[in-house]
N, C-alpha and C. Protein backbone atom coordinates (compact mmCIF):
# COMPACT_ATOMS: atom_id res chain seq x y z
N MET A 1 108.84 -88.73 -28.97
CA MET A 1 108.62 -87.32 -28.66
C MET A 1 109.39 -86.93 -27.40
N LYS A 2 109.41 -87.83 -26.41
CA LYS A 2 110.12 -87.53 -25.18
C LYS A 2 111.61 -87.37 -25.43
N VAL A 3 112.15 -88.20 -26.32
CA VAL A 3 113.57 -88.12 -26.64
C VAL A 3 113.89 -86.78 -27.29
N VAL A 4 113.06 -86.36 -28.20
CA VAL A 4 113.27 -85.07 -28.88
C VAL A 4 113.21 -83.93 -27.86
N THR A 5 112.26 -83.97 -26.97
CA THR A 5 112.13 -82.94 -25.95
C THR A 5 113.36 -82.91 -25.05
N LEU A 6 113.79 -84.08 -24.60
CA LEU A 6 114.98 -84.14 -23.74
C LEU A 6 116.23 -83.67 -24.48
N LEU A 7 116.36 -84.05 -25.72
CA LEU A 7 117.49 -83.60 -26.52
C LEU A 7 117.47 -82.09 -26.68
N SER A 8 116.31 -81.52 -26.94
CA SER A 8 116.17 -80.07 -27.09
C SER A 8 116.58 -79.35 -25.80
N ILE A 9 116.15 -79.88 -24.68
CA ILE A 9 116.50 -79.27 -23.39
C ILE A 9 118.01 -79.33 -23.17
N CYS A 10 118.61 -80.47 -23.48
CA CYS A 10 120.06 -80.60 -23.33
C CYS A 10 120.82 -79.61 -24.20
N VAL A 11 120.37 -79.46 -25.43
CA VAL A 11 121.01 -78.51 -26.34
C VAL A 11 120.88 -77.09 -25.79
N MET A 12 119.70 -76.73 -25.34
CA MET A 12 119.50 -75.38 -24.82
C MET A 12 120.34 -75.14 -23.58
N LEU A 13 120.42 -76.12 -22.69
CA LEU A 13 121.23 -75.96 -21.49
C LEU A 13 122.71 -75.86 -21.81
N SER A 14 123.14 -76.59 -22.80
CA SER A 14 124.56 -76.53 -23.17
C SER A 14 124.90 -75.21 -23.85
N CYS A 15 123.92 -74.51 -24.37
CA CYS A 15 124.16 -73.22 -25.02
C CYS A 15 124.24 -72.08 -24.01
N GLY A 16 123.82 -72.31 -22.80
CA GLY A 16 123.79 -71.26 -21.79
C GLY A 16 125.09 -70.51 -21.63
N PRO A 17 126.23 -71.19 -21.46
CA PRO A 17 127.48 -70.47 -21.29
C PRO A 17 127.87 -69.65 -22.51
N VAL A 18 127.57 -70.16 -23.70
CA VAL A 18 127.88 -69.42 -24.92
C VAL A 18 127.05 -68.15 -24.99
N ILE A 19 125.77 -68.26 -24.71
CA ILE A 19 124.88 -67.11 -24.77
C ILE A 19 125.33 -66.03 -23.79
N ALA A 20 125.68 -66.43 -22.60
CA ALA A 20 126.07 -65.47 -21.58
C ALA A 20 127.35 -64.73 -21.98
N ALA A 21 128.21 -65.36 -22.78
CA ALA A 21 129.50 -64.76 -23.12
C ALA A 21 129.42 -63.79 -24.30
N ILE A 22 128.31 -63.75 -24.99
CA ILE A 22 128.20 -62.90 -26.18
C ILE A 22 127.98 -61.46 -25.78
N ASP A 23 128.78 -60.59 -26.40
CA ASP A 23 128.65 -59.16 -26.18
C ASP A 23 127.79 -58.59 -27.31
N PHE A 24 126.60 -58.13 -26.97
CA PHE A 24 125.68 -57.60 -27.97
C PHE A 24 125.86 -56.10 -28.20
N HIS A 25 126.89 -55.51 -27.60
CA HIS A 25 127.16 -54.09 -27.83
C HIS A 25 127.46 -53.90 -29.32
N GLY A 26 126.78 -52.96 -29.94
CA GLY A 26 126.97 -52.70 -31.36
C GLY A 26 126.12 -53.57 -32.27
N TYR A 27 125.31 -54.42 -31.71
CA TYR A 27 124.42 -55.27 -32.51
C TYR A 27 123.43 -54.39 -33.25
N ASP A 28 123.16 -54.68 -34.50
CA ASP A 28 122.30 -53.84 -35.35
C ASP A 28 120.82 -54.13 -35.10
N ASP A 29 120.27 -53.46 -34.09
CA ASP A 29 118.86 -53.65 -33.75
C ASP A 29 117.92 -53.17 -34.86
N ASP A 30 118.32 -52.13 -35.58
CA ASP A 30 117.48 -51.62 -36.67
C ASP A 30 117.34 -52.67 -37.77
N LEU A 31 118.44 -53.33 -38.10
CA LEU A 31 118.37 -54.39 -39.10
C LEU A 31 117.44 -55.50 -38.64
N MET A 32 117.54 -55.86 -37.37
CA MET A 32 116.67 -56.92 -36.85
C MET A 32 115.19 -56.53 -36.93
N ARG A 33 114.90 -55.27 -36.65
CA ARG A 33 113.50 -54.83 -36.76
C ARG A 33 113.04 -54.89 -38.22
N ASP A 34 113.91 -54.52 -39.15
CA ASP A 34 113.58 -54.62 -40.58
C ASP A 34 113.34 -56.07 -40.98
N LEU A 35 114.17 -56.96 -40.46
CA LEU A 35 114.00 -58.38 -40.77
C LEU A 35 112.70 -58.91 -40.20
N ASP A 36 112.41 -58.52 -38.98
CA ASP A 36 111.19 -58.97 -38.32
C ASP A 36 109.96 -58.54 -39.12
N LYS A 37 110.00 -57.32 -39.63
CA LYS A 37 108.90 -56.82 -40.45
C LYS A 37 108.83 -57.56 -41.79
N THR A 38 109.99 -57.74 -42.40
CA THR A 38 110.05 -58.35 -43.73
C THR A 38 109.61 -59.81 -43.71
N ILE A 39 110.01 -60.55 -42.68
CA ILE A 39 109.65 -61.97 -42.63
C ILE A 39 108.14 -62.15 -42.55
N LYS A 40 107.45 -61.16 -42.02
CA LYS A 40 105.98 -61.24 -41.93
C LYS A 40 105.31 -61.10 -43.30
N TYR A 41 106.01 -60.47 -44.24
CA TYR A 41 105.46 -60.28 -45.59
C TYR A 41 105.92 -61.34 -46.58
N PHE A 42 107.00 -62.03 -46.25
CA PHE A 42 107.63 -62.94 -47.21
C PHE A 42 106.67 -64.03 -47.70
N GLU A 43 106.12 -64.81 -46.80
CA GLU A 43 105.21 -65.87 -47.23
C GLU A 43 103.93 -65.32 -47.86
N PRO A 44 103.30 -64.29 -47.29
CA PRO A 44 102.10 -63.76 -47.96
C PRO A 44 102.38 -63.25 -49.37
N ASP A 45 103.55 -62.64 -49.58
CA ASP A 45 103.90 -62.19 -50.93
C ASP A 45 104.03 -63.37 -51.89
N ILE A 46 104.62 -64.46 -51.38
CA ILE A 46 104.76 -65.66 -52.21
C ILE A 46 103.39 -66.27 -52.48
N THR A 47 102.59 -66.39 -51.45
CA THR A 47 101.25 -66.98 -51.60
C THR A 47 100.40 -66.19 -52.59
N ALA A 48 100.60 -64.87 -52.61
CA ALA A 48 99.88 -64.01 -53.55
C ALA A 48 100.50 -64.04 -54.95
N LYS A 49 101.55 -64.84 -55.10
CA LYS A 49 102.28 -64.98 -56.37
C LYS A 49 102.87 -63.65 -56.83
N ASN A 50 103.26 -62.86 -55.86
CA ASN A 50 103.91 -61.58 -56.14
C ASN A 50 105.42 -61.80 -56.12
N ALA A 51 105.94 -62.28 -57.24
CA ALA A 51 107.34 -62.67 -57.33
C ALA A 51 108.28 -61.48 -57.09
N ASP A 52 107.94 -60.30 -57.59
CA ASP A 52 108.81 -59.13 -57.39
C ASP A 52 108.94 -58.78 -55.91
N ALA A 53 107.82 -58.77 -55.20
CA ALA A 53 107.86 -58.47 -53.77
C ALA A 53 108.62 -59.56 -53.02
N ALA A 54 108.42 -60.81 -53.41
CA ALA A 54 109.14 -61.92 -52.76
C ALA A 54 110.64 -61.78 -52.96
N ARG A 55 111.06 -61.37 -54.15
CA ARG A 55 112.49 -61.14 -54.40
C ARG A 55 113.02 -60.01 -53.54
N ASP A 56 112.25 -58.93 -53.42
CA ASP A 56 112.66 -57.81 -52.57
C ASP A 56 112.77 -58.26 -51.11
N ASP A 57 111.78 -59.00 -50.64
CA ASP A 57 111.81 -59.53 -49.27
C ASP A 57 113.05 -60.40 -49.07
N ALA A 58 113.30 -61.28 -50.04
CA ALA A 58 114.43 -62.21 -49.94
C ALA A 58 115.76 -61.47 -49.85
N ALA A 59 115.88 -60.38 -50.59
CA ALA A 59 117.13 -59.61 -50.55
C ALA A 59 117.38 -59.05 -49.14
N VAL A 60 116.35 -58.52 -48.52
CA VAL A 60 116.47 -57.99 -47.15
C VAL A 60 116.81 -59.13 -46.19
N LEU A 61 116.12 -60.24 -46.33
CA LEU A 61 116.34 -61.37 -45.43
C LEU A 61 117.74 -61.96 -45.61
N GLN A 62 118.20 -62.07 -46.84
CA GLN A 62 119.55 -62.58 -47.08
C GLN A 62 120.60 -61.68 -46.44
N GLU A 63 120.42 -60.38 -46.56
CA GLU A 63 121.34 -59.43 -45.92
C GLU A 63 121.36 -59.67 -44.41
N GLY A 64 120.20 -59.87 -43.85
CA GLY A 64 120.10 -60.11 -42.41
C GLY A 64 120.76 -61.40 -41.98
N PHE A 65 120.55 -62.46 -42.74
CA PHE A 65 121.18 -63.73 -42.39
C PHE A 65 122.70 -63.64 -42.52
N LYS A 66 123.20 -62.91 -43.51
CA LYS A 66 124.65 -62.73 -43.64
C LYS A 66 125.20 -61.95 -42.44
N TYR A 67 124.46 -60.92 -42.04
CA TYR A 67 124.89 -60.13 -40.88
C TYR A 67 124.91 -60.98 -39.61
N THR A 68 123.82 -61.72 -39.38
CA THR A 68 123.76 -62.52 -38.15
C THR A 68 124.80 -63.64 -38.18
N GLU A 69 125.03 -64.23 -39.34
CA GLU A 69 126.06 -65.27 -39.42
C GLU A 69 127.42 -64.70 -39.03
N ALA A 70 127.77 -63.55 -39.59
CA ALA A 70 129.07 -62.94 -39.28
C ALA A 70 129.14 -62.52 -37.81
N PHE A 71 128.06 -61.92 -37.31
CA PHE A 71 128.05 -61.46 -35.92
C PHE A 71 128.25 -62.63 -34.95
N PHE A 72 127.47 -63.68 -35.14
CA PHE A 72 127.54 -64.81 -34.22
C PHE A 72 128.81 -65.64 -34.42
N ALA A 73 129.34 -65.69 -35.63
CA ALA A 73 130.62 -66.39 -35.86
C ALA A 73 131.73 -65.68 -35.09
N LYS A 74 131.69 -64.36 -35.13
CA LYS A 74 132.69 -63.55 -34.40
C LYS A 74 132.59 -63.80 -32.90
N ASN A 75 131.42 -64.15 -32.43
CA ASN A 75 131.19 -64.36 -31.00
C ASN A 75 131.16 -65.84 -30.60
N GLY A 76 131.48 -66.72 -31.53
CA GLY A 76 131.60 -68.14 -31.22
C GLY A 76 130.29 -68.86 -30.94
N ALA A 77 129.19 -68.37 -31.46
CA ALA A 77 127.88 -69.01 -31.24
C ALA A 77 127.53 -69.85 -32.47
N GLU A 78 128.08 -71.03 -32.51
CA GLU A 78 127.91 -71.90 -33.68
C GLU A 78 126.46 -72.27 -33.94
N ASP A 79 125.64 -72.37 -32.90
CA ASP A 79 124.23 -72.69 -33.13
C ASP A 79 123.55 -71.59 -33.93
N ALA A 80 123.84 -70.35 -33.61
CA ALA A 80 123.24 -69.22 -34.34
C ALA A 80 123.83 -69.11 -35.75
N VAL A 81 125.10 -69.45 -35.90
CA VAL A 81 125.72 -69.45 -37.23
C VAL A 81 125.00 -70.47 -38.12
N LYS A 82 124.76 -71.65 -37.56
CA LYS A 82 124.06 -72.69 -38.32
C LYS A 82 122.64 -72.25 -38.68
N ILE A 83 121.95 -71.63 -37.74
CA ILE A 83 120.60 -71.13 -38.02
C ILE A 83 120.64 -70.11 -39.15
N SER A 84 121.62 -69.22 -39.12
CA SER A 84 121.76 -68.21 -40.17
C SER A 84 122.02 -68.84 -41.53
N ARG A 85 122.91 -69.82 -41.55
CA ARG A 85 123.22 -70.50 -42.81
C ARG A 85 122.00 -71.26 -43.33
N ASP A 86 121.30 -71.94 -42.42
CA ASP A 86 120.09 -72.66 -42.83
C ASP A 86 119.04 -71.68 -43.35
N GLY A 87 118.92 -70.52 -42.70
CA GLY A 87 117.98 -69.50 -43.16
C GLY A 87 118.31 -69.01 -44.55
N SER A 88 119.60 -68.76 -44.79
CA SER A 88 120.03 -68.34 -46.13
C SER A 88 119.68 -69.38 -47.18
N GLN A 89 119.85 -70.64 -46.82
CA GLN A 89 119.52 -71.71 -47.76
C GLN A 89 118.02 -71.78 -48.02
N ARG A 90 117.20 -71.62 -46.98
CA ARG A 90 115.74 -71.65 -47.18
C ARG A 90 115.31 -70.48 -48.07
N ILE A 91 115.92 -69.33 -47.90
CA ILE A 91 115.60 -68.17 -48.77
C ILE A 91 115.96 -68.50 -50.21
N ALA A 92 117.15 -69.07 -50.41
CA ALA A 92 117.57 -69.46 -51.76
C ALA A 92 116.61 -70.48 -52.35
N ASP A 93 116.18 -71.43 -51.52
CA ASP A 93 115.20 -72.43 -51.99
C ASP A 93 113.91 -71.75 -52.41
N ALA A 94 113.43 -70.84 -51.58
CA ALA A 94 112.17 -70.14 -51.89
C ALA A 94 112.29 -69.39 -53.21
N LEU A 95 113.40 -68.70 -53.40
CA LEU A 95 113.59 -67.96 -54.66
C LEU A 95 113.64 -68.89 -55.86
N LYS A 96 114.31 -70.02 -55.69
CA LYS A 96 114.38 -71.00 -56.79
C LYS A 96 112.97 -71.45 -57.16
N PHE A 97 112.15 -71.74 -56.14
CA PHE A 97 110.79 -72.17 -56.41
C PHE A 97 109.95 -71.06 -57.03
N VAL A 98 110.15 -69.83 -56.60
CA VAL A 98 109.44 -68.69 -57.20
C VAL A 98 109.77 -68.61 -58.69
N GLU A 99 111.05 -68.76 -59.02
CA GLU A 99 111.47 -68.68 -60.43
C GLU A 99 110.86 -69.82 -61.25
N GLN A 100 110.56 -70.94 -60.60
CA GLN A 100 109.93 -72.08 -61.28
C GLN A 100 108.41 -72.00 -61.25
N ASN A 101 107.88 -70.89 -60.72
CA ASN A 101 106.43 -70.71 -60.54
C ASN A 101 105.82 -71.80 -59.65
N ASP A 102 106.61 -72.33 -58.74
CA ASP A 102 106.14 -73.31 -57.76
C ASP A 102 105.94 -72.58 -56.44
N PHE A 103 104.85 -71.83 -56.38
CA PHE A 103 104.61 -70.96 -55.23
C PHE A 103 104.27 -71.74 -53.96
N GLU A 104 103.72 -72.93 -54.12
CA GLU A 104 103.42 -73.76 -52.94
C GLU A 104 104.72 -74.18 -52.24
N SER A 105 105.69 -74.66 -53.00
CA SER A 105 106.98 -75.04 -52.41
C SER A 105 107.73 -73.82 -51.89
N ALA A 106 107.61 -72.71 -52.59
CA ALA A 106 108.25 -71.47 -52.14
C ALA A 106 107.66 -71.02 -50.81
N ALA A 107 106.36 -71.12 -50.67
CA ALA A 107 105.71 -70.74 -49.41
C ALA A 107 106.15 -71.66 -48.27
N ALA A 108 106.32 -72.95 -48.57
CA ALA A 108 106.79 -73.89 -47.54
C ALA A 108 108.20 -73.51 -47.09
N ALA A 109 109.06 -73.13 -48.03
CA ALA A 109 110.41 -72.70 -47.68
C ALA A 109 110.37 -71.41 -46.86
N ALA A 110 109.45 -70.53 -47.18
CA ALA A 110 109.30 -69.29 -46.42
C ALA A 110 108.86 -69.59 -44.99
N ARG A 111 107.95 -70.54 -44.83
CA ARG A 111 107.51 -70.92 -43.48
C ARG A 111 108.67 -71.50 -42.67
N GLU A 112 109.51 -72.29 -43.32
CA GLU A 112 110.70 -72.84 -42.64
C GLU A 112 111.65 -71.72 -42.23
N THR A 113 111.76 -70.71 -43.06
CA THR A 113 112.60 -69.55 -42.72
C THR A 113 112.08 -68.87 -41.47
N THR A 114 110.78 -68.69 -41.39
CA THR A 114 110.17 -68.06 -40.21
C THR A 114 110.46 -68.88 -38.96
N LYS A 115 110.37 -70.19 -39.07
CA LYS A 115 110.67 -71.06 -37.92
C LYS A 115 112.13 -70.91 -37.48
N LEU A 116 113.02 -70.79 -38.44
CA LEU A 116 114.43 -70.61 -38.11
C LEU A 116 114.66 -69.29 -37.38
N CYS A 117 114.03 -68.24 -37.87
CA CYS A 117 114.14 -66.94 -37.19
C CYS A 117 113.68 -67.08 -35.73
N LYS A 118 112.54 -67.70 -35.56
CA LYS A 118 111.99 -67.86 -34.21
C LYS A 118 112.92 -68.68 -33.32
N SER A 119 113.52 -69.72 -33.87
CA SER A 119 114.40 -70.56 -33.06
C SER A 119 115.61 -69.77 -32.55
N CYS A 120 116.12 -68.88 -33.37
CA CYS A 120 117.25 -68.05 -32.92
C CYS A 120 116.77 -67.03 -31.90
N HIS A 121 115.62 -66.45 -32.12
CA HIS A 121 115.06 -65.49 -31.16
C HIS A 121 114.82 -66.16 -29.82
N ASP A 122 114.35 -67.41 -29.84
CA ASP A 122 114.12 -68.12 -28.59
C ASP A 122 115.41 -68.26 -27.78
N LEU A 123 116.52 -68.41 -28.48
CA LEU A 123 117.81 -68.56 -27.81
C LEU A 123 118.43 -67.22 -27.40
N TYR A 124 118.31 -66.20 -28.26
CA TYR A 124 119.12 -64.99 -28.09
C TYR A 124 118.37 -63.71 -27.82
N LYS A 125 117.13 -63.61 -28.24
CA LYS A 125 116.43 -62.32 -28.11
C LYS A 125 116.28 -61.91 -26.65
N LYS A 126 116.01 -62.86 -25.76
CA LYS A 126 115.89 -62.54 -24.34
C LYS A 126 117.20 -61.99 -23.79
N THR A 127 118.30 -62.53 -24.29
CA THR A 127 119.62 -62.08 -23.86
C THR A 127 119.87 -60.64 -24.31
N ILE A 128 119.46 -60.32 -25.53
CA ILE A 128 119.66 -58.98 -26.06
C ILE A 128 118.86 -57.96 -25.25
N ALA A 129 117.67 -58.35 -24.83
CA ALA A 129 116.77 -57.43 -24.13
C ALA A 129 117.27 -57.06 -22.73
N ARG A 130 118.19 -57.82 -22.20
CA ARG A 130 118.68 -57.54 -20.85
C ARG A 130 119.54 -56.33 -20.78
């Protein structure tokens, strides 16, 4: 556990210069608010076995991950690009499980998506607020 904690701290410290160099002018705050709202409904919709709502949520979330991937790629923030790509994959996984009527696995993928969103916010949201 100590090794993981130390590694996490090293990664965060090494990201400092990248974060400081990102220009958030023109960043789509409205899209982020929509994503923040949608991610809160994604897992509950899946848990309720509401496949149509889960698909709608996934479409919004996929759009957001594509936007953030492009935005952060343009700004050289590879950690955020990876988070965006991983998020897109978790959404795809959740949809695949929904189509298979495996709502438990779909909900697990949705929870992983929420964790990915939070991990990016932990790195960048404070920077945006400045």
